[in-house]
């Protein structure tokens, strides 16, 4: 996620996960539980969720990275740009290592 949770334009971004550790929000047949969150770097928040499809009775764990150094209608803060580049590189490495054929 590379946007702030609050925007100048209403409806521009919607909160799609619970914000209190241990709490669960339900979206139709999908339940999302926030297991933990940790500020990894000054502009990066990592959250771990359990996402459950109540119809299929299946659940997966999701690591969610939230880059917080990009204000609404602005460029990323100069002090945060290297962290954003690092986050993109980490994501690319993860995909290459875990999803290459």
Foldseek 3Di string as FASTA:
>chain_A
DEADCDEPDPPPHHDDADDDAQDWDDDPQKIKHWPDWDDPDPFKIWTWIWIARNVVRDIDIDIDIYGRQQYHPGHGDPVCVVVVVVVVVVVVVCCCVPPDD
